[in-house]
Amino acid sequence: MNLPVVRVNRKAAARAAAGHPWIFSSDVLDRGGAAPGDVVEVSSAGQSLGVAHYSSTSQICLRVLSRKVEEVDAA
């Protein structure tokens, strides 16, 4: 599985670890070449936080799909 990696700040990482289901665009440090609609790996300080759906136009930039890095299918 070869997903774009979106890096987020520590504040977003702490919220994600507490179970928050999304990450705001202001917390994104590097979009890693992600295109709108991509499923991406989310990372902070070199640690993977899971996978998310990426939006380039919403303030809610990442919607967490899984806390593990795993393949996401159409279901």
PDB file of N, CA and C in Angstrom:
ATOM      1  N   MET A   1       0.858  -1.171   0.000  1.00  0.00           N
ATOM      2  CA  MET A   1       0.000   0.000   0.000  1.00  0.00           C
ATOM      3  C   MET A   1       0.903   1.233   0.000  1.00  0.00           C
ATOM      4  N   ASN A   2       0.704   2.109  -0.961  1.00  0.00           N
ATOM      5  CA  ASN A   2       1.547   3.287  -1.122  1.00  0.00           C
ATOM      6  C   ASN A   2       0.670   4.537  -1.094  1.00  0.00           C
ATOM      7  N   LEU A   3       0.441   5.066   0.095  1.00  0.00           N
ATOM      8  CA  LEU A   3      -0.423   6.237   0.269  1.00  0.00           C
ATOM      9  C   LEU A   3       0.408   7.502   0.405  1.00  0.00           C
ATOM     10  N   PRO A   4      -0.121   8.651  -0.045  1.00  0.00           N
ATOM     11  CA  PRO A   4       0.541   9.918   0.279  1.00  0.00           C
ATOM     12  C   PRO A   4       0.550  10.091   1.801  1.00  0.00           C
ATOM     13  N   VAL A   5       1.595  10.690   2.326  1.00  0.00           N
ATOM     14  CA  VAL A   5       1.703  10.904   3.774  1.00  0.00           C
ATOM     15  C   VAL A   5       1.508  12.387   4.063  1.00  0.00           C
ATOM     16  N   VAL A   6       0.488  12.690   4.871  1.00  0.00           N
ATOM     17  CA  VAL A   6       0.201  14.061   5.286  1.00  0.00           C
ATOM     18  C   VAL A   6       0.704  14.219   6.719  1.00  0.00           C
ATOM     19  N   ARG A   7       1.601  15.182   6.921  1.00  0.00           N
ATOM     20  CA  ARG A   7       2.152  15.425   8.255  1.00  0.00           C
ATOM     21  C   ARG A   7       1.342  16.501   8.971  1.00  0.00           C
ATOM     22  N   VAL A   8       1.048  16.250  10.257  1.00  0.00           N
ATOM     23  CA  VAL A   8       0.272  17.193  11.063  1.00  0.00           C
ATOM     24  C   VAL A   8       1.069  17.585  12.305  1.00  0.00           C
ATOM     25  N   ASN A   9       0.643  18.680  12.937  1.00  0.00           N
ATOM     26  CA  ASN A   9       1.349  19.159  14.128  1.00  0.00           C
ATOM     27  C   ASN A   9       0.981  18.327  15.365  1.00  0.00           C
ATOM     28  N   ARG A  10       1.670  18.595  16.452  1.00  0.00           N
ATOM     29  CA  ARG A  10       1.474  17.818  17.688  1.00  0.00           C
ATOM     30  C   ARG A  10       0.079  18.009  18.282  1.00  0.00           C
ATOM     31  N   LYS A  11      -0.472  19.200  18.119  1.00  0.00           N
ATOM     32  CA  LYS A  11      -1.827  19.460  18.635  1.00  0.00           C
ATOM     33  C   LYS A  11      -2.829  18.525  17.962  1.00  0.00           C
ATOM     34  N   ALA A  12      -2.732  18.389  16.652  1.00  0.00           N
ATOM     35  CA  ALA A  12      -3.622  17.490  15.913  1.00  0.00           C
ATOM     36  C   ALA A  12      -3.369  16.041  16.306  1.00  0.00           C
ATOM     37  N   ALA A  13      -2.106  15.683  16.506  1.00  0.00           N
ATOM     38  CA  ALA A  13      -1.770  14.312  16.898  1.00  0.00           C
ATOM     39  C   ALA A  13      -2.382  13.968  18.251  1.00  0.00           C
ATOM     40  N   ALA A  14      -2.340  14.904  19.187  1.00  0.00           N
ATOM     41  CA  ALA A  14      -2.924  14.669  20.513  1.00  0.00           C
ATOM     42  C   ALA A  14      -4.435  14.491  20.417  1.00  0.00           C
ATOM     43  N   ARG A  15      -5.095  15.322  19.605  1.00  0.00           N
ATOM     44  CA  ARG A  15      -6.547  15.180  19.437  1.00  0.00           C
ATOM     45  C   ARG A  15      -6.889  13.851  18.769  1.00  0.00           C
ATOM     46  N   ALA A  16      -6.112  13.470  17.753  1.00  0.00           N
ATOM     47  CA  ALA A  16      -6.360  12.199  17.060  1.00  0.00           C
ATOM     48  C   ALA A  16      -6.175  11.023  18.019  1.00  0.00           C
ATOM     49  N   ALA A  17      -5.151  11.073  18.856  1.00  0.00           N
ATOM     50  CA  ALA A  17      -4.903  10.004  19.826  1.00  0.00           C
ATOM     51  C   ALA A  17      -6.040   9.894  20.841  1.00  0.00           C
ATOM     52  N   ALA A  18      -6.714  11.013  21.105  1.00  0.00           N
ATOM     53  CA  ALA A  18      -7.849  11.019  22.037  1.00  0.00           C
ATOM     54  C   ALA A  18      -9.148  10.579  21.364  1.00  0.00           C
ATOM     55  N   GLY A  19      -9.093  10.282  20.049  1.00  0.00           N
ATOM     56  CA  GLY A  19     -10.273   9.781  19.356  1.00  0.00           C
ATOM     57  C   GLY A  19     -11.015  10.791  18.510  1.00  0.00           C
ATOM     58  N   HIS A  20     -10.496  12.006  18.383  1.00  0.00           N
ATOM     59  CA  HIS A  20     -11.153  13.030  17.560  1.00  0.00           C
ATOM     60  C   HIS A  20     -11.179  12.565  16.106  1.00  0.00           C
ATOM     61  N   PRO A  21     -12.316  12.640  15.423  1.00  0.00           N
ATOM     62  CA  PRO A  21     -12.437  12.036  14.088  1.00  0.00           C
ATOM     63  C   PRO A  21     -11.974  12.894  12.918  1.00  0.00           C
ATOM     64  N   TRP A  22     -11.504  14.113  13.153  1.00  0.00           N
ATOM     65  CA  TRP A  22     -11.040  14.915  12.027  1.00  0.00           C
ATOM     66  C   TRP A  22      -9.882  15.807  12.446  1.00  0.00           C
ATOM     67  N   ILE A  23      -9.203  16.345  11.417  1.00  0.00           N
ATOM     68  CA  ILE A  23      -8.054  17.225  11.618  1.00  0.00           C
ATOM     69  C   ILE A  23      -8.265  18.462  10.752  1.00  0.00           C
ATOM     70  N   PHE A  24      -8.054  19.618  11.339  1.00  0.00           N
ATOM     71  CA  PHE A  24      -8.269  20.882  10.644  1.00  0.00           C
ATOM     72  C   PHE A  24      -7.097  21.227   9.728  1.00  0.00           C
ATOM     73  N   SER A  25      -7.384  21.961   8.669  1.00  0.00           N
ATOM     74  CA  SER A  25      -6.347  22.335   7.697  1.00  0.00           C
ATOM     75  C   SER A  25      -5.241  23.173   8.345  1.00  0.00           C
ATOM     76  N   SER A  26      -5.576  23.940   9.372  1.00  0.00           N
ATOM     77  CA  SER A  26      -4.567  24.766  10.052  1.00  0.00           C
ATOM     78  C   SER A  26      -3.543  23.921  10.813  1.00  0.00           C
ATOM     79  N   ASP A  27      -3.839  22.640  11.034  1.00  0.00           N
ATOM     80  CA  ASP A  27      -2.926  21.740  11.746  1.00  0.00           C
ATOM     81  C   ASP A  27      -2.048  20.919  10.808  1.00  0.00           C
ATOM     82  N   VAL A  28      -2.241  21.068   9.506  1.00  0.00           N
ATOM     83  CA  VAL A  28      -1.459  20.308   8.527  1.00  0.00           C
ATOM     84  C   VAL A  28      -0.146  21.040   8.255  1.00  0.00           C
ATOM     85  N   LEU A  29       0.962  20.308   8.390  1.00  0.00           N
ATOM     86  CA  LEU A  29       2.285  20.875   8.137  1.00  0.00           C
ATOM     87  C   LEU A  29       2.735  20.640   6.697  1.00  0.00           C
ATOM     88  N   ASP A  30       2.412  19.460   6.149  1.00  0.00           N
ATOM     89  CA  ASP A  30       2.838  19.097   4.794  1.00  0.00           C
ATOM     90  C   ASP A  30       1.809  18.146   4.199  1.00  0.00           C
ATOM     91  N   ARG A  31       1.299  18.484   3.024  1.00  0.00           N
ATOM     92  CA  ARG A  31       0.261  17.680   2.376  1.00  0.00           C
ATOM     93  C   ARG A  31       0.821  16.473   1.629  1.00  0.00           C
ATOM     94  N   GLY A  32       2.114  16.369   1.483  1.00  0.00           N
ATOM     95  CA  GLY A  32       2.747  15.185   0.918  1.00  0.00           C
ATOM     96  C   GLY A  32       2.288  14.809  -0.480  1.00  0.00           C
ATOM     97  N   GLY A  33       1.863  15.790  -1.263  1.00  0.00           N
ATOM     98  CA  GLY A  33       1.427  15.507  -2.628  1.00  0.00           C
ATOM     99  C   GLY A  33       0.025  14.944  -2.731  1.00  0.00           C
ATOM    100  N   ALA A  34      -0.738  14.977  -1.652  1.00  0.00           N
ATOM    101  CA  ALA A  34      -2.107  14.445  -1.667  1.00  0.00           C
ATOM    102  C   ALA A  34      -2.993  15.274  -2.584  1.00  0.00           C
ATOM    103  N   ALA A  35      -3.855  14.585  -3.308  1.00  0.00           N
ATOM    104  CA  ALA A  35      -4.841  15.233  -4.177  1.00  0.00           C
ATOM    105  C   ALA A  35      -6.203  15.175  -3.502  1.00  0.00           C
ATOM    106  N   PRO A  36      -7.098  16.107  -3.815  1.00  0.00           N
ATOM    107  CA  PRO A  36      -8.440  16.084  -3.221  1.00  0.00           C
ATOM    108  C   PRO A  36      -9.102  14.718  -3.423  1.00  0.00           C
ATOM    109  N   GLY A  37      -9.654  14.179  -2.339  1.00  0.00           N
ATOM    110  CA  GLY A  37     -10.333  12.894  -2.396  1.00  0.00           C
ATOM    111  C   GLY A  37      -9.450  11.699  -2.104  1.00  0.00           C
ATOM    112  N   ASP A  38      -8.139  11.907  -1.996  1.00  0.00           N
ATOM    113  CA  ASP A  38      -7.224  10.797  -1.714  1.00  0.00           C
ATOM    114  C   ASP A  38      -7.441  10.235  -0.314  1.00  0.00           C
ATOM    115  N   VAL A  39      -7.188   8.939  -0.180  1.00  0.00           N
ATOM    116  CA  VAL A  39      -7.009   8.323   1.125  1.00  0.00           C
ATOM    117  C   VAL A  39      -5.520   8.454   1.415  1.00  0.00           C
ATOM    118  N   VAL A  40      -5.183   8.985   2.595  1.00  0.00           N
ATOM    119  CA  VAL A  40      -3.791   9.292   2.929  1.00  0.00           C
ATOM    120  C   VAL A  40      -3.419   8.690   4.276  1.00  0.00           C
ATOM    121  N   GLU A  41      -2.123   8.502   4.475  1.00  0.00           N
ATOM    122  CA  GLU A  41      -1.611   8.162   5.790  1.00  0.00           C
ATOM    123  C   GLU A  41      -1.373   9.472   6.527  1.00  0.00           C
ATOM    124  N   VAL A  42      -1.733   9.520   7.806  1.00  0.00           N
ATOM    125  CA  VAL A  42      -1.526  10.715   8.626  1.00  0.00           C
ATOM    126  C   VAL A  42      -0.376  10.425   9.583  1.00  0.00           C
ATOM    127  N   SER A  43       0.547  11.377   9.696  1.00  0.00           N
ATOM    128  CA  SER A  43       1.749  11.176  10.486  1.00  0.00           C
ATOM    129  C   SER A  43       2.078  12.440  11.269  1.00  0.00           C
ATOM    130  N   SER A  44       2.707  12.249  12.437  1.00  0.00           N
ATOM    131  CA  SER A  44       3.203  13.375  13.224  1.00  0.00           C
ATOM    132  C   SER A  44       4.486  12.941  13.908  1.00  0.00           C
ATOM    133  N   ALA A  45       5.525  13.747  13.767  1.00  0.00           N
ATOM    134  CA  ALA A  45       6.827  13.468  14.389  1.00  0.00           C
ATOM    135  C   ALA A  45       7.307  12.058  14.061  1.00  0.00           C
ATOM    136  N   GLY A  46       7.075  11.619  12.824  1.00  0.00           N
ATOM    137  CA  GLY A  46       7.531  10.310  12.375  1.00  0.00           C
ATOM    138  C   GLY A  46       6.677   9.135  12.807  1.00  0.00           C
ATOM    139  N   GLN A  47       5.590   9.390  13.522  1.00  0.00           N
ATOM    140  CA  GLN A  47       4.712   8.321  13.999  1.00  0.00           C
ATOM    141  C   GLN A  47       3.408   8.340  13.218  1.00  0.00           C
ATOM    142  N   SER A  48       3.000   7.164  12.737  1.00  0.00           N
ATOM    143  CA  SER A  48       1.757   7.063  11.981  1.00  0.00           C
ATOM    144  C   SER A  48       0.560   7.162  12.919  1.00  0.00           C
ATOM    145  N   LEU A  49      -0.446   7.944  12.486  1.00  0.00           N
ATOM    146  CA  LEU A  49      -1.669   8.108  13.276  1.00  0.00           C
ATOM    147  C   LEU A  49      -2.853   7.371  12.661  1.00  0.00           C
ATOM    148  N   GLY A  50      -2.671   6.821  11.453  1.00  0.00           N
ATOM    149  CA  GLY A  50      -3.755   6.105  10.786  1.00  0.00           C
ATOM    150  C   GLY A  50      -3.956   6.598   9.370  1.00  0.00           C
ATOM    151  N   VAL A  51      -5.156   6.340   8.833  1.00  0.00           N
ATOM    152  CA  VAL A  51      -5.488   6.782   7.480  1.00  0.00           C
ATOM    153  C   VAL A  51      -6.710   7.688   7.531  1.00  0.00           C
ATOM    154  N   ALA A  52      -6.779   8.592   6.550  1.00  0.00           N
ATOM    155  CA  ALA A  52      -7.857   9.578   6.520  1.00  0.00           C
ATOM    156  C   ALA A  52      -8.205   9.922   5.079  1.00  0.00           C
ATOM    157  N   HIS A  53      -9.367  10.511   4.916  1.00  0.00           N
ATOM    158  CA  HIS A  53      -9.811  11.039   3.622  1.00  0.00           C
ATOM    159  C   HIS A  53      -9.385  12.498   3.589  1.00  0.00           C
ATOM    160  N   TYR A  54      -8.744  12.923   2.492  1.00  0.00           N
ATOM    161  CA  TYR A  54      -8.178  14.267   2.377  1.00  0.00           C
ATOM    162  C   TYR A  54      -9.063  15.184   1.543  1.00  0.00           C
ATOM    163  N   SER A  55      -9.273  16.407   2.031  1.00  0.00           N
ATOM    164  CA  SER A  55      -9.978  17.447   1.283  1.00  0.00           C
ATOM    165  C   SER A  55      -9.104  18.693   1.250  1.00  0.00           C
ATOM    166  N   SER A  56      -8.943  19.265   0.079  1.00  0.00           N
ATOM    167  CA  SER A  56      -8.129  20.478  -0.037  1.00  0.00           C
ATOM    168  C   SER A  56      -8.955  21.749   0.133  1.00  0.00           C
ATOM    169  N   THR A  57     -10.282  21.637   0.155  1.00  0.00           N
ATOM    170  CA  THR A  57     -11.130  22.827   0.186  1.00  0.00           C
ATOM    171  C   THR A  57     -11.829  23.067   1.523  1.00  0.00           C
ATOM    172  N   SER A  58     -11.927  22.059   2.355  1.00  0.00           N
ATOM    173  CA  SER A  58     -12.636  22.183   3.624  1.00  0.00           C
ATOM    174  C   SER A  58     -11.674  22.558   4.746  1.00  0.00           C
ATOM    175  N   GLN A  59     -12.178  23.273   5.753  1.00  0.00           N
ATOM    176  CA  GLN A  59     -11.363  23.511   6.944  1.00  0.00           C
ATOM    177  C   GLN A  59     -11.125  22.209   7.689  1.00  0.00           C
ATOM    178  N   ILE A  60     -12.061  21.263   7.552  1.00  0.00           N
ATOM    179  CA  ILE A  60     -11.834  19.913   8.061  1.00  0.00           C
ATOM    180  C   ILE A  60     -11.144  19.171   6.920  1.00  0.00           C
ATOM    181  N   CYS A  61      -9.840  19.183   6.965  1.00  0.00           N
ATOM    182  CA  CYS A  61      -8.997  18.721   5.862  1.00  0.00           C
ATOM    183  C   CYS A  61      -8.844  17.203   5.845  1.00  0.00           C
ATOM    184  N   LEU A  62      -8.843  16.580   7.019  1.00  0.00           N
ATOM    185  CA  LEU A  62      -8.656  15.133   7.130  1.00  0.00           C
ATOM    186  C   LEU A  62      -9.761  14.538   7.986  1.00  0.00           C
ATOM    187  N   ARG A  63     -10.449  13.551   7.438  1.00  0.00           N
ATOM    188  CA  ARG A  63     -11.471  12.811   8.185  1.00  0.00           C
ATOM    189  C   ARG A  63     -10.928  11.412   8.413  1.00  0.00           C
ATOM    190  N   VAL A  64     -10.678  11.085   9.662  1.00  0.00           N
ATOM    191  CA  VAL A  64     -10.014   9.834  10.019  1.00  0.00           C
ATOM    192  C   VAL A  64     -10.919   8.648   9.696  1.00  0.00           C
ATOM    193  N   LEU A  65     -10.358   7.684   8.956  1.00  0.00           N
ATOM    194  CA  LEU A  65     -11.080   6.467   8.590  1.00  0.00           C
ATOM    195  C   LEU A  65     -10.675   5.293   9.470  1.00  0.00           C
ATOM    196  N   SER A  66      -9.420   5.263   9.896  1.00  0.00           N
ATOM    197  CA  SER A  66      -8.910   4.174  10.725  1.00  0.00           C
ATOM    198  C   SER A  66      -7.705   4.665  11.506  1.00  0.00           C
ATOM    199  N   ARG A  67      -7.537   4.174  12.704  1.00  0.00           N
ATOM    200  CA  ARG A  67      -6.380   4.523  13.530  1.00  0.00           C
ATOM    201  C   ARG A  67      -5.168   3.662  13.169  1.00  0.00           C
ATOM    202  N   LYS A  68      -5.363   2.691  12.278  1.00  0.00           N
ATOM    203  CA  LYS A  68      -4.275   1.842  11.787  1.00  0.00           C
ATOM    204  C   LYS A  68      -4.054   2.168  10.319  1.00  0.00           C
ATOM    205  N   VAL A  69      -2.838   1.928   9.846  1.00  0.00           N
ATOM    206  CA  VAL A  69      -2.579   2.071   8.418  1.00  0.00           C
ATOM    207  C   VAL A  69      -3.017   0.762   7.780  1.00  0.00           C
ATOM    208  N   GLU A  70      -4.149   0.826   7.095  1.00  0.00           N
ATOM    209  CA  GLU A  70      -4.704  -0.357   6.448  1.00  0.00           C
ATOM    210  C   GLU A  70      -5.400   0.065   5.168  1.00  0.00           C
ATOM    211  N   GLU A  71      -5.580  -0.886   4.285  1.00  0.00           N
ATOM    212  CA  GLU A  71      -6.240  -0.596   3.020  1.00  0.00           C
ATOM    213  C   GLU A  71      -7.712  -0.284   3.260  1.00  0.00           C
ATOM    214  N   VAL A  72      -8.195   0.753   2.605  1.00  0.00           N
ATOM    215  CA  VAL A  72      -9.595   1.155   2.711  1.00  0.00           C
ATOM    216  C   VAL A  72     -10.259   0.813   1.392  1.00  0.00           C
ATOM    217  N   ASP A  73     -11.361   0.049   1.463  1.00  0.00           N
ATOM    218  CA  ASP A  73     -12.035  -0.332   0.220  1.00  0.00           C
ATOM    219  C   ASP A  73     -13.292   0.505   0.012  1.00  0.00           C
ATOM    220  N   ALA A  74     -14.000   0.218  -1.048  1.00  0.00           N
ATOM    221  CA  ALA A  74     -15.177   1.004  -1.440  1.00  0.00           C
ATOM    222  C   ALA A  74     -16.367   0.840  -0.509  1.00  0.00           C
ATOM    223  N   ALA A  75     -16.367  -0.161   0.331  1.00  0.00           N
ATOM    224  CA  ALA A  75     -17.502  -0.389   1.220  1.00  0.00           C
ATOM    225  C   ALA A  75     -17.580   0.737   2.199  1.00  0.00           C
TER     226      ALA A  75
END
